[in-house]
Amino acid sequence: MKKLDKIAIVVQARLNSERVPQKMVRPFNGTTLFSLILDKLKSSKYKLNIFASVYEKELVDIATSKQVNLYNRSYESANNDNSLQKIYEWHTELQKQGYEYVILVSGCNPLLKISTIDKFIEQFLTQQEENLFAVIEKKTYYWNKEGKLITPWPSDQTIMNTKVVEPTLEAAHVLYASRLDLIKENRWMGDFQKEKGIKLFTMDELEAFDIDYEWQFNIAEKLYNYVD
C-alpha cells in the first residue's frame, strides 16, 4: 500500500487559452475554475499535499490565498505543449522534497466531485499498480477514418443496439496518477500501447465535462448548480 504523504497532488494551470481566454480566472458561479478545484481538494477527507503549478500573477495570487503549496512555473512550461519534462518541470523539485508519486487533477472540469477525487486517491493508494488513469464508459459504435466499423457487433444482433454493445473506454483527461521518476525518462504513467499497461479508473461522464470552448463554459455554469 502506498503512503499518502509520498503523493503530491498537483493542479496545473495557465492563462493562455485562445478558445476561452482567461478561463481559469473568469467569474464562474461566484468563484473561478481555479479557486473551485483548490477548494474541492482542500475539502477532501484525506489530508492532501496540494501543489498549484502556475506562472501568471493572477493564478499565483489565488493559490496563495488558498494556502496551498506553490510551485512557480516557468514561462517556458506555461507556453509549451510538446516537452513532457518541461510541461511537468516540477517533477525534480517534488522528488527532492521526498515525494514518489503524483496525482494530477484537471482544473477545467467544474462538475468533478471531491468524492470522485477521493475514490481515485483511495484506489491508487491501495492498488499494486503504480499508475492510474481516469476513463469514461461509452456504449456506442465507432468507425475509423477509412469507414471501417471498429466496435465489435454482437453476433446475435441484426440492428444497431447500443444497449447490448460492449462498452468502449474513453480518456476522461481529468485524473492521472504516476510515479514521479518516470518523467525523467520522458514517460507519463506507463505504456499505453501495452495491454493493461495502464490501470484504469472508470468515472461518471458528466463529471468529466471539459471546458475548451465558450459554449462549454456557459453550459457548465448552468449545469453546476444541478449536480449533486
Protein backbone atom coordinates (compact mmCIF):
# COMPACT_ATOMS: atom_id res chain seq x y z
CA MET A 1 0.00 0.00 0.00
CA LYS A 2 1.30 3.43 -0.92
CA LYS A 3 1.73 6.16 1.68
CA LEU A 4 -0.36 9.30 1.25
CA ASP A 5 2.49 11.53 2.41
CA LYS A 6 4.53 10.31 -0.57
CA ILE A 7 1.92 11.54 -3.05
CA ALA A 8 1.86 15.13 -4.33
CA ILE A 9 -1.49 16.38 -5.63
CA VAL A 10 -0.79 18.82 -8.46
CA VAL A 11 -3.14 21.29 -10.12
CA GLN A 12 -1.50 22.93 -13.10
CA ALA A 13 -3.00 25.97 -14.78
CA ARG A 14 -2.18 28.75 -17.23
CA LEU A 15 -3.99 31.71 -18.78
CA ASN A 16 -3.01 31.49 -22.45
CA SER A 17 -6.09 29.63 -23.64
CA GLU A 18 -7.06 31.02 -27.05
CA ARG A 19 -10.52 29.44 -27.34
CA VAL A 20 -11.69 30.52 -23.87
CA PRO A 21 -9.47 33.46 -22.85
CA GLN A 22 -8.58 33.65 -19.13
CA LYS A 23 -10.94 30.76 -18.41
CA MET A 24 -9.23 29.77 -15.17
CA VAL A 25 -9.82 33.17 -13.55
CA ARG A 26 -13.06 34.29 -15.21
CA PRO A 27 -16.12 34.58 -12.94
CA PHE A 28 -17.81 31.20 -12.67
CA ASN A 29 -20.85 30.92 -10.38
CA GLY A 30 -19.42 33.33 -7.85
CA THR A 31 -15.92 31.89 -7.96
CA THR A 32 -13.36 30.85 -10.62
CA LEU A 33 -12.43 27.48 -12.08
CA PHE A 34 -9.04 27.63 -10.38
CA SER A 35 -10.43 28.57 -6.99
CA LEU A 36 -13.10 25.90 -7.32
CA ILE A 37 -10.71 22.98 -7.80
CA LEU A 38 -8.44 24.14 -4.98
CA ASP A 39 -11.41 24.46 -2.63
CA LYS A 40 -12.60 20.97 -3.54
CA LEU A 41 -9.19 19.45 -2.87
CA LYS A 42 -9.00 21.22 0.48
CA SER A 43 -12.35 19.66 1.42
CA SER A 44 -11.08 16.10 0.81
CA LYS A 45 -11.45 13.52 3.54
CA TYR A 46 -7.72 12.98 3.13
CA LYS A 47 -5.03 15.36 4.28
CA LEU A 48 -3.60 16.15 0.87
CA ASN A 49 -0.27 17.65 -0.12
CA ILE A 50 -1.67 20.10 -2.69
CA PHE A 51 0.61 21.94 -5.11
CA ALA A 52 -0.51 24.68 -7.53
CA SER A 53 1.82 24.83 -10.52
CA VAL A 54 1.25 28.29 -12.01
CA TYR A 55 3.10 31.11 -13.73
CA GLU A 56 0.80 34.13 -14.09
CA LYS A 57 0.34 36.51 -11.14
CA GLU A 58 -3.46 36.12 -11.07
CA LEU A 59 -3.08 32.38 -10.52
CA VAL A 60 -0.25 32.83 -8.02
CA ASP A 61 -2.46 35.19 -6.00
CA ILE A 62 -5.33 32.69 -5.91
CA ALA A 63 -3.06 29.82 -4.90
CA THR A 64 -1.52 31.96 -2.16
CA SER A 65 -4.95 32.97 -0.84
CA LYS A 66 -5.98 29.30 -0.69
CA GLN A 67 -2.86 28.47 1.33
CA VAL A 68 -1.72 25.58 -0.83
CA ASN A 69 1.85 24.79 -1.79
CA LEU A 70 3.03 26.97 -4.67
CA TYR A 71 5.28 25.81 -7.47
CA ASN A 72 6.43 28.80 -9.51
CA ARG A 73 6.00 27.52 -13.03
CA SER A 74 8.32 28.94 -15.67
CA TYR A 75 7.20 30.90 -18.73
CA GLU A 76 8.57 28.09 -20.91
CA SER A 77 6.45 25.50 -19.11
CA ALA A 78 3.28 27.58 -19.32
CA ASN A 79 3.76 28.06 -23.05
CA ASN A 80 4.96 24.59 -24.04
CA ASP A 81 2.81 21.79 -25.44
CA ASN A 82 5.47 19.37 -26.64
CA SER A 83 8.01 18.54 -23.94
CA LEU A 84 6.87 16.29 -21.10
CA GLN A 85 9.79 17.26 -18.88
CA LYS A 86 9.22 20.96 -19.49
CA ILE A 87 5.44 20.88 -19.01
CA TYR A 88 5.84 18.85 -15.82
CA GLU A 89 9.04 20.56 -14.74
CA TRP A 90 8.02 20.29 -11.08
CA HIS A 91 8.95 16.60 -11.03
CA THR A 92 12.57 17.14 -9.92
CA GLU A 93 11.63 19.57 -7.14
CA LEU A 94 8.89 17.29 -5.81
CA GLN A 95 11.28 14.35 -5.77
CA LYS A 96 13.79 16.42 -3.81
CA GLN A 97 11.05 17.02 -1.25
CA GLY A 98 10.60 13.26 -0.83
CA TYR A 99 7.54 12.62 -2.99
CA GLU A 100 7.45 9.39 -5.00
CA TYR A 101 4.12 9.77 -6.80
CA VAL A 102 1.99 12.49 -8.32
CA ILE A 103 -1.75 12.76 -8.86
CA LEU A 104 -2.52 15.41 -11.45
CA VAL A 105 -6.01 16.92 -11.23
CA SER A 106 -7.51 18.98 -14.04
CA GLY A 107 -8.99 22.36 -13.15
CA CYS A 108 -11.08 22.59 -16.32
CA ASN A 109 -13.80 20.19 -15.18
CA PRO A 110 -16.02 22.08 -12.72
CA LEU A 111 -18.54 19.23 -12.38
CA LEU A 112 -15.89 16.91 -10.96
CA LYS A 113 -16.84 15.92 -7.40
CA ILE A 114 -14.46 15.70 -4.48
CA SER A 115 -15.98 12.30 -3.69
CA THR A 116 -14.75 11.05 -7.07
CA ILE A 117 -11.29 12.50 -6.48
CA ASP A 118 -11.21 10.76 -3.10
CA LYS A 119 -12.21 7.44 -4.69
CA PHE A 120 -9.43 7.87 -7.25
CA ILE A 121 -6.92 8.56 -4.47
CA GLU A 122 -8.14 5.59 -2.46
CA GLN A 123 -7.83 3.21 -5.40
CA PHE A 124 -4.32 4.45 -6.19
CA LEU A 125 -3.26 4.10 -2.56
CA THR A 126 -4.45 0.50 -2.28
CA GLN A 127 -3.71 -0.94 -5.72
CA GLN A 128 -0.43 -2.61 -6.59
CA GLU A 129 -0.03 -0.78 -9.90
CA GLU A 130 1.93 2.47 -9.89
CA ASN A 131 -0.28 4.31 -12.37
CA LEU A 132 -3.97 5.16 -12.68
CA PHE A 133 -5.87 6.91 -15.47
CA ALA A 134 -9.49 8.10 -15.40
CA VAL A 135 -11.77 6.98 -18.22
CA ILE A 136 -15.46 7.18 -19.05
CA GLU A 137 -17.55 4.29 -20.36
CA LYS A 138 -19.21 4.73 -23.76
CA LYS A 139 -21.70 2.27 -25.22
CA THR A 140 -21.94 3.19 -28.87
CA TYR A 141 -20.47 2.37 -32.27
CA TYR A 142 -17.22 3.77 -33.68
CA TRP A 143 -15.63 3.77 -37.14
CA ASN A 144 -12.05 4.53 -38.13
CA LYS A 145 -11.21 7.18 -40.70
CA GLU A 146 -11.46 4.61 -43.51
CA GLY A 147 -15.07 3.94 -42.54
CA LYS A 148 -14.41 0.51 -41.02
CA LEU A 149 -16.56 -0.35 -38.00
CA ILE A 150 -14.18 -0.91 -35.08
CA THR A 151 -16.81 -1.58 -32.40
CA PRO A 152 -17.49 -5.34 -32.21
CA TRP A 153 -21.03 -6.01 -33.44
CA PRO A 154 -22.81 -8.60 -31.25
CA SER A 155 -23.29 -11.78 -33.27
CA ASP A 156 -26.92 -12.15 -32.21
CA GLN A 157 -27.93 -8.63 -33.28
CA THR A 158 -29.33 -7.57 -36.65
CA ILE A 159 -29.87 -3.92 -35.72
CA MET A 160 -27.62 -1.30 -34.16
CA ASN A 161 -28.50 -1.61 -30.47
CA THR A 162 -26.26 0.32 -28.10
CA LYS A 163 -27.74 -1.46 -25.10
CA VAL A 164 -26.01 -4.71 -25.97
CA VAL A 165 -22.74 -3.43 -27.44
CA GLU A 166 -19.53 -3.94 -25.46
CA PRO A 167 -18.50 -0.70 -23.72
CA THR A 168 -15.58 1.33 -25.03
CA LEU A 169 -13.47 3.31 -22.57
CA GLU A 170 -12.62 6.90 -23.46
CA ALA A 171 -9.92 9.03 -21.85
CA ALA A 172 -11.51 11.44 -19.38
CA HIS A 173 -8.49 13.79 -19.20
CA VAL A 174 -9.34 14.64 -15.60
CA LEU A 175 -7.34 12.50 -13.15
CA TYR A 176 -3.90 10.97 -13.63
CA ALA A 177 -1.53 9.18 -11.24
CA SER A 178 2.05 8.17 -11.87
CA ARG A 179 5.48 7.61 -10.41
CA LEU A 180 7.41 10.86 -10.47
CA ASP A 181 10.68 9.34 -11.65
CA LEU A 182 9.14 8.24 -14.95
CA ILE A 183 9.03 11.84 -16.13
CA LYS A 184 12.85 11.90 -16.22
CA GLU A 185 12.60 9.15 -18.83
CA ASN A 186 10.03 11.12 -20.86
CA ARG A 187 7.31 8.70 -19.79
CA TRP A 188 3.95 9.54 -18.28
CA MET A 189 2.15 6.87 -16.23
CA GLY A 190 3.38 3.91 -18.28
CA ASP A 191 2.99 2.10 -21.59
CA PHE A 192 -0.32 2.97 -23.23
CA GLN A 193 0.42 0.61 -26.13
CA LYS A 194 0.78 -2.43 -23.87
CA GLU A 195 -2.38 -4.33 -22.93
CA LYS A 196 -3.24 -3.45 -19.33
CA GLY A 197 -0.13 -1.27 -19.25
CA ILE A 198 -2.19 1.44 -17.56
CA LYS A 199 -4.61 0.82 -14.70
CA LEU A 200 -7.98 2.40 -15.50
CA PHE A 201 -10.43 4.19 -13.21
CA THR A 202 -13.98 4.48 -14.57
CA MET A 203 -15.81 7.68 -13.65
CA ASP A 204 -19.10 9.38 -14.46
CA GLU A 205 -19.17 11.05 -17.87
CA LEU A 206 -20.87 14.23 -16.63
CA GLU A 207 -18.08 14.88 -14.14
CA ALA A 208 -15.59 14.78 -17.00
CA PHE A 209 -17.37 17.65 -18.79
CA ASP A 210 -14.45 19.75 -20.03
CA ILE A 211 -14.30 23.43 -20.94
CA ASP A 212 -12.48 24.01 -24.21
CA TYR A 213 -14.95 26.37 -25.89
CA GLU A 214 -17.15 29.30 -24.88
CA TRP A 215 -20.35 27.28 -25.25
CA GLN A 216 -18.97 24.71 -22.82
CA PHE A 217 -18.15 27.43 -20.28
CA ASN A 218 -21.72 28.70 -20.48
CA ILE A 219 -23.28 25.24 -20.23
CA ALA A 220 -21.03 24.28 -17.32
CA GLU A 221 -22.25 27.31 -15.37
CA LYS A 222 -25.86 26.27 -15.94
CA LEU A 223 -25.20 22.62 -15.03
CA TYR A 224 -23.11 23.35 -11.97
CA ASN A 225 -25.97 24.06 -9.59
CA TYR A 226 -27.88 20.97 -10.70
CA VAL A 227 -25.13 18.46 -9.97
CA ASP A 228 -25.28 16.89 -6.51
